[in-house]
Amino acid sequence: DDLLYVDNLEVSFTSRTTCEKLTVSSACELAAAGVVKVTVADGVSSLKAGSYPILVLSDCDNAAALDGWTLDCADPLVGLRRDGNTLYLDVDARGMMIFFR
């Protein structure tokens, strides 16, 4: 069997609602300390709130290694979350402040 080794993953939001995704349907081995680097295409000013699957593994013996992965993203409202064999980017809703005078 061919084995795919995933160490670092770079994903890009091509629009405010569309993010690249990698789906792996063959055997996969994960680095225990991978890094997800997120970039946003020029012209995209804000990302829509929601959960975006970025790495989907159907056959992985060590999916728990995703818990050790870190996020490289300039947007403080973007977070990284593992659910089973899937790694998600979670984008929080932006708050609005209203001042009354």
PDB file of N, CA and C in Angstrom:
ATOM      1  N   ASP A   1       0.829  -1.193   0.000  1.00  0.00           N
ATOM      2  CA  ASP A   1       0.000   0.000   0.000  1.00  0.00           C
ATOM      3  C   ASP A   1       0.871   1.253   0.000  1.00  0.00           C
ATOM      4  N   ASP A   2       0.430   2.248  -0.742  1.00  0.00           N
ATOM      5  CA  ASP A   2       1.096   3.545  -0.698  1.00  0.00           C
ATOM      6  C   ASP A   2       0.657   4.265   0.563  1.00  0.00           C
ATOM      7  N   LEU A   3       1.588   4.936   1.200  1.00  0.00           N
ATOM      8  CA  LEU A   3       1.305   5.649   2.431  1.00  0.00           C
ATOM      9  C   LEU A   3       1.615   7.123   2.223  1.00  0.00           C
ATOM     10  N   LEU A   4       0.639   7.977   2.500  1.00  0.00           N
ATOM     11  CA  LEU A   4       0.834   9.414   2.401  1.00  0.00           C
ATOM     12  C   LEU A   4       1.225   9.950   3.762  1.00  0.00           C
ATOM     13  N   TYR A   5       2.317  10.711   3.821  1.00  0.00           N
ATOM     14  CA  TYR A   5       2.774  11.311   5.070  1.00  0.00           C
ATOM     15  C   TYR A   5       2.438  12.794   5.023  1.00  0.00           C
ATOM     16  N   VAL A   6       1.663  13.266   5.990  1.00  0.00           N
ATOM     17  CA  VAL A   6       1.247  14.662   6.021  1.00  0.00           C
ATOM     18  C   VAL A   6       1.946  15.354   7.179  1.00  0.00           C
ATOM     19  N   ASP A   7       2.729  16.385   6.855  1.00  0.00           N
ATOM     20  CA  ASP A   7       3.506  17.100   7.857  1.00  0.00           C
ATOM     21  C   ASP A   7       2.987  18.521   8.025  1.00  0.00           C
ATOM     22  N   ASN A   8       3.089  19.316   6.996  1.00  0.00           N
ATOM     23  CA  ASN A   8       2.591  20.684   7.024  1.00  0.00           C
ATOM     24  C   ASN A   8       1.511  20.825   5.955  1.00  0.00           C
ATOM     25  N   LEU A   9       0.545  21.659   6.220  1.00  0.00           N
ATOM     26  CA  LEU A   9      -0.588  21.821   5.314  1.00  0.00           C
ATOM     27  C   LEU A   9      -0.825  23.309   5.120  1.00  0.00           C
ATOM     28  N   GLU A  10      -0.839  23.764   3.884  1.00  0.00           N
ATOM     29  CA  GLU A  10      -1.139  25.156   3.585  1.00  0.00           C
ATOM     30  C   GLU A  10      -2.487  25.216   2.893  1.00  0.00           C
ATOM     31  N   VAL A  11      -3.364  26.036   3.422  1.00  0.00           N
ATOM     32  CA  VAL A  11      -4.687  26.200   2.827  1.00  0.00           C
ATOM     33  C   VAL A  11      -4.929  27.681   2.558  1.00  0.00           C
ATOM     34  N   SER A  12      -5.796  27.948   1.611  1.00  0.00           N
ATOM     35  CA  SER A  12      -6.082  29.333   1.259  1.00  0.00           C
ATOM     36  C   SER A  12      -7.584  29.534   1.116  1.00  0.00           C
ATOM     37  N   PHE A  13      -8.052  30.648   1.642  1.00  0.00           N
ATOM     38  CA  PHE A  13      -9.423  31.063   1.380  1.00  0.00           C
ATOM     39  C   PHE A  13      -9.401  31.814   0.054  1.00  0.00           C
ATOM     40  N   THR A  14     -10.052  31.253  -0.965  1.00  0.00           N
ATOM     41  CA  THR A  14     -10.074  31.884  -2.275  1.00  0.00           C
ATOM     42  C   THR A  14     -11.184  32.919  -2.375  1.00  0.00           C
ATOM     43  N   SER A  15     -12.135  32.841  -1.479  1.00  0.00           N
ATOM     44  CA  SER A  15     -13.185  33.851  -1.346  1.00  0.00           C
ATOM     45  C   SER A  15     -13.519  33.897   0.141  1.00  0.00           C
ATOM     46  N   ARG A  16     -14.461  34.710   0.532  1.00  0.00           N
ATOM     47  CA  ARG A  16     -14.756  34.785   1.970  1.00  0.00           C
ATOM     48  C   ARG A  16     -15.488  33.550   2.480  1.00  0.00           C
ATOM     49  N   THR A  17     -15.961  32.668   1.583  1.00  0.00           N
ATOM     50  CA  THR A  17     -16.708  31.480   2.003  1.00  0.00           C
ATOM     51  C   THR A  17     -16.116  30.175   1.462  1.00  0.00           C
ATOM     52  N   THR A  18     -15.016  30.231   0.721  1.00  0.00           N
ATOM     53  CA  THR A  18     -14.475  29.032   0.086  1.00  0.00           C
ATOM     54  C   THR A  18     -13.036  28.795   0.508  1.00  0.00           C
ATOM     55  N   CYS A  19     -12.797  27.626   1.099  1.00  0.00           N
ATOM     56  CA  CYS A  19     -11.460  27.273   1.578  1.00  0.00           C
ATOM     57  C   CYS A  19     -11.033  25.963   0.934  1.00  0.00           C
ATOM     58  N   GLU A  20      -9.743  25.868   0.607  1.00  0.00           N
ATOM     59  CA  GLU A  20      -9.212  24.632   0.047  1.00  0.00           C
ATOM     60  C   GLU A  20      -9.350  23.496   1.058  1.00  0.00           C
ATOM     61  N   LYS A  21      -9.442  22.255   0.542  1.00  0.00           N
ATOM     62  CA  LYS A  21      -9.574  21.088   1.419  1.00  0.00           C
ATOM     63  C   LYS A  21      -8.774  19.942   0.824  1.00  0.00           C
ATOM     64  N   LEU A  22      -8.142  19.157   1.681  1.00  0.00           N
ATOM     65  CA  LEU A  22      -7.442  17.950   1.259  1.00  0.00           C
ATOM     66  C   LEU A  22      -8.183  16.751   1.821  1.00  0.00           C
ATOM     67  N   THR A  23      -8.633  15.868   0.938  1.00  0.00           N
ATOM     68  CA  THR A  23      -9.293  14.630   1.340  1.00  0.00           C
ATOM     69  C   THR A  23      -8.372  13.472   1.002  1.00  0.00           C
ATOM     70  N   VAL A  24      -8.064  12.651   1.996  1.00  0.00           N
ATOM     71  CA  VAL A  24      -7.150  11.527   1.803  1.00  0.00           C
ATOM     72  C   VAL A  24      -7.938  10.232   1.974  1.00  0.00           C
ATOM     73  N   SER A  25      -7.994   9.440   0.906  1.00  0.00           N
ATOM     74  CA  SER A  25      -8.758   8.199   0.971  1.00  0.00           C
ATOM     75  C   SER A  25      -7.860   6.970   1.048  1.00  0.00           C
ATOM     76  N   SER A  26      -6.532   7.174   1.050  1.00  0.00           N
ATOM     77  CA  SER A  26      -5.604   6.056   1.197  1.00  0.00           C
ATOM     78  C   SER A  26      -5.000   6.094   2.594  1.00  0.00           C
ATOM     79  N   ALA A  27      -4.154   5.120   2.882  1.00  0.00           N
ATOM     80  CA  ALA A  27      -3.510   5.078   4.193  1.00  0.00           C
ATOM     81  C   ALA A  27      -2.704   6.351   4.415  1.00  0.00           C
ATOM     82  N   CYS A  28      -2.706   6.827   5.644  1.00  0.00           N
ATOM     83  CA  CYS A  28      -2.073   8.109   5.944  1.00  0.00           C
ATOM     84  C   CYS A  28      -1.383   8.051   7.300  1.00  0.00           C
ATOM     85  N   GLU A  29      -0.229   8.658   7.378  1.00  0.00           N
ATOM     86  CA  GLU A  29       0.502   8.796   8.633  1.00  0.00           C
ATOM     87  C   GLU A  29       0.707  10.286   8.870  1.00  0.00           C
ATOM     88  N   LEU A  30       0.442  10.739  10.087  1.00  0.00           N
ATOM     89  CA  LEU A  30       0.515  12.168  10.400  1.00  0.00           C
ATOM     90  C   LEU A  30       1.726  12.494  11.245  1.00  0.00           C
ATOM     91  N   ALA A  31       2.306  13.665  10.992  1.00  0.00           N
ATOM     92  CA  ALA A  31       3.327  14.177  11.894  1.00  0.00           C
ATOM     93  C   ALA A  31       2.644  14.574  13.194  1.00  0.00           C
ATOM     94  N   ALA A  32       3.337  14.389  14.311  1.00  0.00           N
ATOM     95  CA  ALA A  32       2.741  14.719  15.601  1.00  0.00           C
ATOM     96  C   ALA A  32       2.684  16.220  15.837  1.00  0.00           C
ATOM     97  N   ALA A  33       3.442  16.988  15.064  1.00  0.00           N
ATOM     98  CA  ALA A  33       3.472  18.432  15.279  1.00  0.00           C
ATOM     99  C   ALA A  33       3.416  19.173  13.951  1.00  0.00           C
ATOM    100  N   GLY A  34       2.355  18.949  13.201  1.00  0.00           N
ATOM    101  CA  GLY A  34       2.191  19.643  11.934  1.00  0.00           C
ATOM    102  C   GLY A  34       1.754  21.077  12.139  1.00  0.00           C
ATOM    103  N   VAL A  35       1.867  21.855  11.081  1.00  0.00           N
ATOM    104  CA  VAL A  35       1.470  23.257  11.112  1.00  0.00           C
ATOM    105  C   VAL A  35       0.516  23.519   9.965  1.00  0.00           C
ATOM    106  N   VAL A  36      -0.597  24.180  10.267  1.00  0.00           N
ATOM    107  CA  VAL A  36      -1.542  24.593   9.232  1.00  0.00           C
ATOM    108  C   VAL A  36      -1.319  26.076   8.995  1.00  0.00           C
ATOM    109  N   LYS A  37      -0.880  26.418   7.787  1.00  0.00           N
ATOM    110  CA  LYS A  37      -0.673  27.824   7.435  1.00  0.00           C
ATOM    111  C   LYS A  37      -1.849  28.270   6.574  1.00  0.00           C
ATOM    112  N   VAL A  38      -2.500  29.339   7.011  1.00  0.00           N
ATOM    113  CA  VAL A  38      -3.694  29.829   6.329  1.00  0.00           C
ATOM    114  C   VAL A  38      -3.379  31.167   5.665  1.00  0.00           C
ATOM    115  N   THR A  39      -3.727  31.262   4.394  1.00  0.00           N
ATOM    116  CA  THR A  39      -3.612  32.532   3.690  1.00  0.00           C
ATOM    117  C   THR A  39      -4.981  32.909   3.138  1.00  0.00           C
ATOM    118  N   VAL A  40      -5.146  34.176   2.898  1.00  0.00           N
ATOM    119  CA  VAL A  40      -6.405  34.690   2.357  1.00  0.00           C
ATOM    120  C   VAL A  40      -6.088  35.415   1.059  1.00  0.00           C
ATOM    121  N   ALA A  41      -6.839  35.123   0.019  1.00  0.00           N
ATOM    122  CA  ALA A  41      -6.595  35.722  -1.288  1.00  0.00           C
ATOM    123  C   ALA A  41      -6.733  37.239  -1.233  1.00  0.00           C
ATOM    124  N   ASP A  42      -5.994  37.906  -2.094  1.00  0.00           N
ATOM    125  CA  ASP A  42      -6.096  39.361  -2.192  1.00  0.00           C
ATOM    126  C   ASP A  42      -7.532  39.762  -2.509  1.00  0.00           C
ATOM    127  N   GLY A  43      -7.975  40.800  -1.872  1.00  0.00           N
ATOM    128  CA  GLY A  43      -9.332  41.290  -2.125  1.00  0.00           C
ATOM    129  C   GLY A  43     -10.383  40.720  -1.189  1.00  0.00           C
ATOM    130  N   VAL A  44     -10.010  39.723  -0.371  1.00  0.00           N
ATOM    131  CA  VAL A  44     -10.953  39.154   0.593  1.00  0.00           C
ATOM    132  C   VAL A  44     -10.735  39.875   1.922  1.00  0.00           C
ATOM    133  N   SER A  45     -11.682  40.703   2.302  1.00  0.00           N
ATOM    134  CA  SER A  45     -11.477  41.532   3.492  1.00  0.00           C
ATOM    135  C   SER A  45     -11.848  40.819   4.789  1.00  0.00           C
ATOM    136  N   SER A  46     -12.860  39.971   4.769  1.00  0.00           N
ATOM    137  CA  SER A  46     -13.253  39.251   5.982  1.00  0.00           C
ATOM    138  C   SER A  46     -13.795  37.882   5.599  1.00  0.00           C
ATOM    139  N   LEU A  47     -13.593  36.918   6.480  1.00  0.00           N
ATOM    140  CA  LEU A  47     -14.059  35.552   6.240  1.00  0.00           C
ATOM    141  C   LEU A  47     -15.429  35.371   6.861  1.00  0.00           C
ATOM    142  N   LYS A  48     -16.269  34.592   6.206  1.00  0.00           N
ATOM    143  CA  LYS A  48     -17.593  34.316   6.758  1.00  0.00           C
ATOM    144  C   LYS A  48     -17.449  33.345   7.924  1.00  0.00           C
ATOM    145  N   ALA A  49     -18.161  33.618   9.013  1.00  0.00           N
ATOM    146  CA  ALA A  49     -18.114  32.745  10.184  1.00  0.00           C
ATOM    147  C   ALA A  49     -18.608  31.353   9.821  1.00  0.00           C
ATOM    148  N   GLY A  50     -17.988  30.342  10.418  1.00  0.00           N
ATOM    149  CA  GLY A  50     -18.401  28.964  10.181  1.00  0.00           C
ATOM    150  C   GLY A  50     -17.243  28.004  10.389  1.00  0.00           C
ATOM    151  N   SER A  51     -17.504  26.716  10.127  1.00  0.00           N
ATOM    152  CA  SER A  51     -16.490  25.669  10.233  1.00  0.00           C
ATOM    153  C   SER A  51     -16.152  25.165   8.842  1.00  0.00           C
ATOM    154  N   TYR A  52     -14.869  25.101   8.554  1.00  0.00           N
ATOM    155  CA  TYR A  52     -14.393  24.690   7.240  1.00  0.00           C
ATOM    156  C   TYR A  52     -13.497  23.468   7.384  1.00  0.00           C
ATOM    157  N   PRO A  53     -13.896  22.299   6.861  1.00  0.00           N
ATOM    158  CA  PRO A  53     -13.010  21.132   6.915  1.00  0.00           C
ATOM    159  C   PRO A  53     -11.838  21.353   5.971  1.00  0.00           C
ATOM    160  N   ILE A  54     -10.618  21.175   6.471  1.00  0.00           N
ATOM    161  CA  ILE A  54      -9.454  21.390   5.618  1.00  0.00           C
ATOM    162  C   ILE A  54      -8.645  20.121   5.385  1.00  0.00           C
ATOM    163  N   LEU A  55      -8.770  19.135   6.283  1.00  0.00           N
ATOM    164  CA  LEU A  55      -8.068  17.863   6.117  1.00  0.00           C
ATOM    165  C   LEU A  55      -9.007  16.750   6.549  1.00  0.00           C
ATOM    166  N   VAL A  56      -9.394  15.911   5.607  1.00  0.00           N
ATOM    167  CA  VAL A  56     -10.337  14.818   5.867  1.00  0.00           C
ATOM    168  C   VAL A  56      -9.613  13.507   5.593  1.00  0.00           C
ATOM    169  N   LEU A  57      -9.492  12.668   6.624  1.00  0.00           N
ATOM    170  CA  LEU A  57      -8.748  11.411   6.527  1.00  0.00           C
ATOM    171  C   LEU A  57      -9.698  10.235   6.717  1.00  0.00           C
ATOM    172  N   SER A  58      -9.813   9.399   5.698  1.00  0.00           N
ATOM    173  CA  SER A  58     -10.722   8.263   5.847  1.00  0.00           C
ATOM    174  C   SER A  58     -10.020   7.035   6.415  1.00  0.00           C
ATOM    175  N   ASP A  59      -8.687   6.966   6.302  1.00  0.00           N
ATOM    176  CA  ASP A  59      -7.940   5.795   6.766  1.00  0.00           C
ATOM    177  C   ASP A  59      -6.652   6.273   7.425  1.00  0.00           C
ATOM    178  N   CYS A  60      -6.720   6.524   8.730  1.00  0.00           N
ATOM    179  CA  CYS A  60      -5.543   7.055   9.423  1.00  0.00           C
ATOM    180  C   CYS A  60      -5.463   6.427  10.810  1.00  0.00           C
ATOM    181  N   ASP A  61      -4.340   5.763  11.085  1.00  0.00           N
ATOM    182  CA  ASP A  61      -4.168   5.099  12.377  1.00  0.00           C
ATOM    183  C   ASP A  61      -3.857   6.071  13.500  1.00  0.00           C
ATOM    184  N   ASN A  62      -3.284   7.222  13.184  1.00  0.00           N
ATOM    185  CA  ASN A  62      -2.863   8.129  14.252  1.00  0.00           C
ATOM    186  C   ASN A  62      -3.504   9.510  14.115  1.00  0.00           C
ATOM    187  N   ALA A  63      -4.812   9.550  13.879  1.00  0.00           N
ATOM    188  CA  ALA A  63      -5.517  10.832  13.745  1.00  0.00           C
ATOM    189  C   ALA A  63      -5.397  11.677  15.011  1.00  0.00           C
ATOM    190  N   ALA A  64      -5.152  11.046  16.162  1.00  0.00           N
ATOM    191  CA  ALA A  64      -4.994  11.804  17.406  1.00  0.00           C
ATOM    192  C   ALA A  64      -3.798  12.742  17.336  1.00  0.00           C
ATOM    193  N   ALA A  65      -2.863  12.499  16.413  1.00  0.00           N
ATOM    194  CA  ALA A  65      -1.718  13.398  16.251  1.00  0.00           C
ATOM    195  C   ALA A  65      -2.173  14.794  15.838  1.00  0.00           C
ATOM    196  N   LEU A  66      -3.365  14.906  15.259  1.00  0.00           N
ATOM    197  CA  LEU A  66      -3.881  16.225  14.873  1.00  0.00           C
ATOM    198  C   LEU A  66      -4.050  17.141  16.085  1.00  0.00           C
ATOM    199  N   ASP A  67      -4.214  16.558  17.269  1.00  0.00           N
ATOM    200  CA  ASP A  67      -4.364  17.373  18.480  1.00  0.00           C
ATOM    201  C   ASP A  67      -3.115  18.211  18.756  1.00  0.00           C
ATOM    202  N   GLY A  68      -1.955  17.790  18.260  1.00  0.00           N
ATOM    203  CA  GLY A  68      -0.719  18.515  18.488  1.00  0.00           C
ATOM    204  C   GLY A  68      -0.402  19.542  17.415  1.00  0.00           C
ATOM    205  N   TRP A  69      -1.254  19.648  16.417  1.00  0.00           N
ATOM    206  CA  TRP A  69      -0.978  20.585  15.325  1.00  0.00           C
ATOM    207  C   TRP A  69      -1.246  22.012  15.770  1.00  0.00           C
ATOM    208  N   THR A  70      -0.556  22.950  15.135  1.00  0.00           N
ATOM    209  CA  THR A  70      -0.711  24.358  15.463  1.00  0.00           C
ATOM    210  C   THR A  70      -1.158  25.145  14.229  1.00  0.00           C
ATOM    211  N   LEU A  71      -1.594  26.360  14.476  1.00  0.00           N
ATOM    212  CA  LEU A  71      -2.147  27.210  13.424  1.00  0.00           C
ATOM    213  C   LEU A  71      -1.244  28.410  13.192  1.00  0.00           C
ATOM    214  N   ASP A  72      -0.972  28.690  11.923  1.00  0.00           N
ATOM    215  CA  ASP A  72      -0.219  29.871  11.517  1.00  0.00           C
ATOM    216  C   ASP A  72      -1.166  30.734  10.684  1.00  0.00           C
ATOM    217  N   CYS A  73      -1.811  31.697  11.341  1.00  0.00           N
ATOM    218  CA  CYS A  73      -2.813  32.527  10.673  1.00  0.00           C
ATOM    219  C   CYS A  73      -2.820  33.900  11.339  1.00  0.00           C
ATOM    220  N   ALA A  74      -2.844  34.942  10.522  1.00  0.00           N
ATOM    221  CA  ALA A  74      -2.807  36.306  11.056  1.00  0.00           C
ATOM    222  C   ALA A  74      -4.144  36.743  11.648  1.00  0.00           C
ATOM    223  N   ASP A  75      -5.221  36.073  11.293  1.00  0.00           N
ATOM    224  CA  ASP A  75      -6.555  36.462  11.765  1.00  0.00           C
ATOM    225  C   ASP A  75      -6.811  35.833  13.139  1.00  0.00           C
ATOM    226  N   PRO A  76      -6.984  36.642  14.196  1.00  0.00           N
ATOM    227  CA  PRO A  76      -7.186  36.090  15.537  1.00  0.00           C
ATOM    228  C   PRO A  76      -8.530  35.391  15.719  1.00  0.00           C
ATOM    229  N   LEU A  77      -9.456  35.551  14.788  1.00  0.00           N
ATOM    230  CA  LEU A  77     -10.760  34.902  14.909  1.00  0.00           C
ATOM    231  C   LEU A  77     -10.804  33.521  14.258  1.00  0.00           C
ATOM    232  N   VAL A  78      -9.674  33.070  13.710  1.00  0.00           N
ATOM    233  CA  VAL A  78      -9.601  31.747  13.092  1.00  0.00           C
ATOM    234  C   VAL A  78      -8.951  30.787  14.070  1.00  0.00           C
ATOM    235  N   GLY A  79      -9.599  29.641  14.306  1.00  0.00           N
ATOM    236  CA  GLY A  79      -9.075  28.630  15.216  1.00  0.00           C
ATOM    237  C   GLY A  79      -8.993  27.278  14.532  1.00  0.00           C
ATOM    238  N   LEU A  80      -8.300  26.353  15.167  1.00  0.00           N
ATOM    239  CA  LEU A  80      -8.083  25.012  14.637  1.00  0.00           C
ATOM    240  C   LEU A  80      -8.756  24.009  15.567  1.00  0.00           C
ATOM    241  N   ARG A  81      -9.476  23.035  14.985  1.00  0.00           N
ATOM    242  CA  ARG A  81     -10.196  22.053  15.802  1.00  0.00           C
ATOM    243  C   ARG A  81     -10.189  20.702  15.102  1.00  0.00           C
ATOM    244  N   ARG A  82      -9.979  19.648  15.896  1.00  0.00           N
ATOM    245  CA  ARG A  82     -10.061  18.278  15.379  1.00  0.00           C
ATOM    246  C   ARG A  82     -11.377  17.655  15.839  1.00  0.00           C
ATOM    247  N   ASP A  83     -12.034  16.961  14.919  1.00  0.00           N
ATOM    248  CA  ASP A  83     -13.216  16.171  15.247  1.00  0.00           C
ATOM    249  C   ASP A  83     -13.054  14.828  14.554  1.00  0.00           C
ATOM    250  N   GLY A  84     -12.662  13.817  15.308  1.00  0.00           N
ATOM    251  CA  GLY A  84     -12.420  12.505  14.724  1.00  0.00           C
ATOM    252  C   GLY A  84     -11.234  12.554  13.775  1.00  0.00           C
ATOM    253  N   ASN A  85     -11.449  12.164  12.528  1.00  0.00           N
ATOM    254  CA  ASN A  85     -10.393  12.147  11.518  1.00  0.00           C
ATOM    255  C   ASN A  85     -10.421  13.382  10.635  1.00  0.00           C
ATOM    256  N   THR A  86     -11.052  14.445  11.098  1.00  0.00           N
ATOM    257  CA  THR A  86     -11.163  15.662  10.301  1.00  0.00           C
ATOM    258  C   THR A  86     -10.619  16.850  11.084  1.00  0.00           C
ATOM    259  N   LEU A  87      -9.874  17.700  10.383  1.00  0.00           N
ATOM    260  CA  LEU A  87      -9.338  18.922  10.957  1.00  0.00           C
ATOM    261  C   LEU A  87     -10.116  20.095  10.366  1.00  0.00           C
ATOM    262  N   TYR A  88     -10.593  20.973  11.240  1.00  0.00           N
ATOM    263  CA  TYR A  88     -11.424  22.101  10.824  1.00  0.00           C
ATOM    264  C   TYR A  88     -10.752  23.427  11.143  1.00  0.00           C
ATOM    265  N   LEU A  89     -11.033  24.416  10.299  1.00  0.00           N
ATOM    266  CA  LEU A  89     -10.780  25.809  10.642  1.00  0.00           C
ATOM    267  C   LEU A  89     -12.112  26.381  11.089  1.00  0.00           C
ATOM    268  N   ASP A  90     -12.150  26.947  12.275  1.00  0.00           N
ATOM    269  CA  ASP A  90     -13.363  27.590  12.777  1.00  0.00           C
ATOM    270  C   ASP A  90     -13.159  29.098  12.731  1.00  0.00           C
ATOM    271  N   VAL A  91     -14.055  29.785  12.060  1.00  0.00           N
ATOM    272  CA  VAL A  91     -13.998  31.236  11.966  1.00  0.00           C
ATOM    273  C   VAL A  91     -15.110  31.793  12.842  1.00  0.00           C
ATOM    274  N   ASP A  92     -14.730  32.543  13.883  1.00  0.00           N
ATOM    275  CA  ASP A  92     -15.710  33.146  14.787  1.00  0.00           C
ATOM    276  C   ASP A  92     -16.355  34.355  14.129  1.00  0.00           C
ATOM    277  N   ALA A  93     -17.576  34.625  14.552  1.00  0.00           N
ATOM    278  CA  ALA A  93     -18.271  35.812  14.061  1.00  0.00           C
ATOM    279  C   ALA A  93     -17.584  37.051  14.609  1.00  0.00           C
ATOM    280  N   ARG A  94     -17.508  38.038  13.801  1.00  0.00           N
ATOM    281  CA  ARG A  94     -16.914  39.298  14.241  1.00  0.00           C
ATOM    282  C   ARG A  94     -17.928  40.069  15.064  1.00  0.00           C
ATOM    283  N   GLY A  95     -17.461  40.592  16.193  1.00  0.00           N
ATOM    284  CA  GLY A  95     -18.347  41.362  17.053  1.00  0.00           C
ATOM    285  C   GLY A  95     -18.510  42.784  16.547  1.00  0.00           C
ATOM    286  N   MET A  96     -19.580  43.394  16.946  1.00  0.00           N
ATOM    287  CA  MET A  96     -19.817  44.778  16.570  1.00  0.00           C
ATOM    288  C   MET A  96     -19.970  45.588  17.846  1.00  0.00           C
ATOM    289  N   MET A  97     -19.302  46.705  17.897  1.00  0.00           N
ATOM    290  CA  MET A  97     -19.425  47.580  19.051  1.00  0.00           C
ATOM    291  C   MET A  97     -20.217  48.815  18.651  1.00  0.00           C
ATOM    292  N   ILE A  98     -21.170  49.157  19.460  1.00  0.00           N
ATOM    293  CA  ILE A  98     -21.985  50.350  19.220  1.00  0.00           C
ATOM    294  C   ILE A  98     -21.809  51.277  20.406  1.00  0.00           C
ATOM    295  N   PHE A  99     -21.450  52.497  20.133  1.00  0.00           N
ATOM    296  CA  PHE A  99     -21.268  53.477  21.190  1.00  0.00           C
ATOM    297  C   PHE A  99     -22.421  54.467  21.150  1.00  0.00           C
ATOM    298  N   PHE A 100     -23.024  54.733  22.318  1.00  0.00           N
ATOM    299  CA  PHE A 100     -24.067  55.757  22.427  1.00  0.00           C
ATOM    300  C   PHE A 100     -23.490  56.936  23.178  1.00  0.00           C
ATOM    301  N   ARG A 101     -23.877  58.078  22.718  1.00  0.00           N
ATOM    302  CA  ARG A 101     -23.373  59.271  23.369  1.00  0.00           C
ATOM    303  C   ARG A 101     -24.496  60.151  23.814  1.00  0.00           C
TER     304      ARG A 101
END
